[in-house]
Amino acid sequence: MNDAFKALSDATRRKILELLKEEDLSAGEISDHFSMSKPSISQHLKILKNAGLVNDEKKGQFIVYSLNTTVFQELISWAFNFVEKEEK
């Protein structure tokens, strides 16, 4: 879970996740939304993947990224339990 929080601490990675919330995208499609190099976007995607926040699937010559909602559910559950304990 620590890797997920570290990944979420960066604004670019949060924006990538927002894009993937709408639809699955290739790395090239993701990079079209940013004014940074494709290798930089690839590094952000690698961090998100290593944190378990995104999945990737090879489709032809492209790698398509999608959200891994399971990890988000775990984060929300943790946060909810944390807040619930604080209120008692």
Foldseek 3Di string as FASTA:
>chain_A
DVLQVVLVVDPLLVVLQVVQVVHKAWLVVSCVVDPDDSVVSVVSVVSCVVSVQWDWDDDPPTIIIHGDVVVVVVVVVVVVVVVVVVVD
